[in-house]
Amino acid sequence: MVKLTDERVKLVNEFLQAIRVVKYYAWEVPIEERVQSVRSIEVGMLMSYLSAAGRLRELLFSAQPIATILIFTTALYGFNR
């Protein structure tokens, strides 16, 4: 993901340095499309990462009460024998 961000920042910096040429040849639209294509891939990867991180967080938070209940019932069963 960082690689894509670096690529996008590099593209934007390159275009900003050559802004006179871009304006002279009216290349604004093709340049915007290039930056948007890299950005859309970057955002897609970011969304999948955040989705996976959210699922893992929910799993970890839901595992604690379940583990507590299992330990408690196992301990109760062991003391009642």
Protein backbone atom coordinates (compact mmCIF):
# COMPACT_ATOMS: atom_id res chain seq x y z
CA MET A 1 0.00 0.00 0.00
CA VAL A 2 2.87 2.38 0.79
CA LYS A 3 4.35 1.59 -2.61
CA LEU A 4 1.16 2.82 -4.31
CA THR A 5 1.08 5.96 -2.18
CA ASP A 6 4.70 6.66 -3.11
CA GLU A 7 3.88 6.15 -6.78
CA ARG A 8 0.92 8.54 -6.58
CA VAL A 9 2.93 11.21 -4.74
CA LYS A 10 5.75 10.82 -7.26
CA LEU A 11 3.29 11.33 -10.14
CA VAL A 12 1.76 14.41 -8.56
CA ASN A 13 5.18 15.93 -7.83
CA GLU A 14 6.35 15.22 -11.35
CA PHE A 15 3.29 16.91 -12.82
CA LEU A 16 3.55 19.89 -10.50
CA GLN A 17 7.15 20.43 -11.53
CA ALA A 18 6.13 20.39 -15.19
CA ILE A 19 2.95 22.42 -14.79
CA ARG A 20 3.80 24.83 -17.62
CA VAL A 21 4.17 21.99 -20.11
CA VAL A 22 0.99 20.37 -18.84
CA LYS A 23 -0.95 23.60 -19.27
CA TYR A 24 0.64 24.39 -22.62
CA TYR A 25 -0.36 21.04 -24.17
CA ALA A 26 -3.66 20.82 -22.23
CA TRP A 27 -2.77 17.50 -20.61
CA GLU A 28 -4.82 18.09 -17.46
CA VAL A 29 -7.42 15.39 -18.16
CA PRO A 30 -4.98 12.56 -19.04
CA ILE A 31 -2.85 13.42 -16.02
CA GLU A 32 -5.86 13.47 -13.75
CA GLU A 33 -6.92 10.07 -15.10
CA ARG A 34 -3.47 8.63 -14.38
CA VAL A 35 -3.46 9.94 -10.82
CA GLN A 36 -7.06 8.78 -10.26
CA SER A 37 -6.29 5.27 -11.51
CA VAL A 38 -3.40 4.91 -9.06
CA ARG A 39 -5.50 6.49 -6.30
CA SER A 40 -8.43 4.13 -6.91
CA ILE A 41 -6.15 1.10 -6.56
CA GLU A 42 -4.65 2.64 -3.41
CA VAL A 43 -8.09 3.28 -1.89
CA GLY A 44 -9.23 -0.26 -2.76
CA MET A 45 -6.26 -1.76 -0.97
CA LEU A 46 -6.79 0.56 1.99
CA MET A 47 -10.45 -0.43 2.25
CA SER A 48 -9.63 -4.15 2.16
CA TYR A 49 -6.97 -3.63 4.85
CA LEU A 50 -9.36 -1.68 7.07
CA SER A 51 -12.08 -4.27 6.54
CA ALA A 52 -9.76 -7.11 7.55
CA ALA A 53 -8.51 -5.14 10.57
CA GLY A 54 -12.09 -4.47 11.65
CA ARG A 55 -13.03 -8.14 11.37
CA LEU A 56 -9.98 -9.15 13.40
CA ARG A 57 -10.80 -6.56 16.07
CA GLU A 58 -14.38 -7.82 16.32
CA LEU A 59 -13.16 -11.41 16.57
CA LEU A 60 -10.76 -10.54 19.38
CA PHE A 61 -13.39 -8.54 21.30
CA SER A 62 -15.98 -11.30 20.94
CA ALA A 63 -13.50 -14.02 21.94
CA GLN A 64 -12.91 -12.55 25.41
CA PRO A 65 -16.45 -13.04 26.78
CA ILE A 66 -16.70 -16.49 25.21
CA ALA A 67 -13.38 -17.53 26.76
CA THR A 68 -14.50 -16.17 30.14
CA ILE A 69 -17.75 -18.14 30.01
CA LEU A 70 -15.96 -21.33 29.01
CA ILE A 71 -13.37 -20.99 31.79
CA PHE A 72 -16.05 -20.18 34.36
CA THR A 73 -18.27 -23.13 33.42
CA THR A 74 -15.29 -25.49 33.29
CA ALA A 75 -14.19 -24.34 36.74
CA LEU A 76 -17.73 -24.73 38.12
CA TYR A 77 -18.02 -28.19 36.64
CA GLY A 78 -14.68 -29.16 38.16
CA PHE A 79 -15.64 -27.93 41.66
CA ASN A 80 -19.03 -29.68 41.63
CA ARG A 81 -17.60 -33.14 41.00
